[in-house]
Amino acid sequence: MFEFDQYLGFLAFLTILTIGFWLMIFLVSIIPMWIGGSIMEMIKYRGKEIKYKP
């Protein structure tokens, strides 16, 4: 059926596929929230002068 090197290649393929899938899910869920939050901050502080105290 499978030889050992084919089995290792198949496991490597599944590992890379799974890592790519979860990375895609993470980026699709985090990036829009990050962009939306920064846009809301820009709208909230539009026209206000922000003073920084050292």
Protein backbone atom coordinates (compact mmCIF):
# COMPACT_ATOMS: atom_id res chain seq x y z
CA MET A 1 0.00 0.00 0.00
CA PHE A 2 2.09 2.95 1.25
CA GLU A 3 5.77 2.92 1.88
CA PHE A 4 7.15 4.83 4.85
CA ASP A 5 8.43 7.83 2.86
CA GLN A 6 5.07 8.18 1.12
CA TYR A 7 3.38 8.08 4.52
CA LEU A 8 5.67 10.86 5.83
CA GLY A 9 5.00 12.94 2.73
CA PHE A 10 1.27 12.50 3.18
CA LEU A 11 1.50 13.54 6.84
CA ALA A 12 3.59 16.59 5.89
CA PHE A 13 0.99 17.53 3.27
CA LEU A 14 -1.86 17.21 5.78
CA THR A 15 0.05 19.25 8.36
CA ILE A 16 0.78 22.09 5.91
CA LEU A 17 -2.82 22.03 4.66
CA THR A 18 -4.21 22.21 8.21
CA ILE A 19 -1.84 25.03 9.23
CA GLY A 20 -2.81 26.98 6.11
CA PHE A 21 -6.51 26.45 6.77
CA TRP A 22 -6.36 27.70 10.37
CA LEU A 23 -4.12 30.64 9.37
CA MET A 24 -6.69 31.63 6.73
CA ILE A 25 -9.53 31.42 9.30
CA PHE A 26 -7.49 33.49 11.79
CA LEU A 27 -6.64 36.20 9.26
CA VAL A 28 -10.18 36.39 7.87
CA SER A 29 -11.55 36.90 11.39
CA ILE A 30 -8.88 39.29 12.76
CA ILE A 31 -8.00 41.60 9.85
CA PRO A 32 -11.55 43.03 9.28
CA MET A 33 -11.97 43.63 13.03
CA TRP A 34 -8.58 45.38 13.15
CA ILE A 35 -9.36 47.59 10.14
CA GLY A 36 -12.88 48.35 11.39
CA GLY A 37 -11.61 49.28 14.85
CA SER A 38 -8.99 51.64 13.45
CA ILE A 39 -11.59 53.31 11.21
CA MET A 40 -13.92 53.75 14.19
CA GLU A 41 -11.06 55.31 16.19
CA MET A 42 -10.33 57.72 13.32
CA ILE A 43 -14.01 58.73 13.18
CA LYS A 44 -14.25 59.11 16.95
CA TYR A 45 -11.19 61.38 17.25
CA ARG A 46 -11.73 63.34 14.04
CA GLY A 47 -11.17 67.06 14.63
CA LYS A 48 -9.97 66.60 18.21
CA GLU A 49 -6.48 67.53 19.19
CA ILE A 50 -4.79 64.75 21.12
CA LYS A 51 -2.26 65.97 23.66
CA TYR A 52 0.41 63.58 24.85
CA LYS A 53 1.94 64.13 28.27
CA PRO A 54 5.55 62.93 28.49
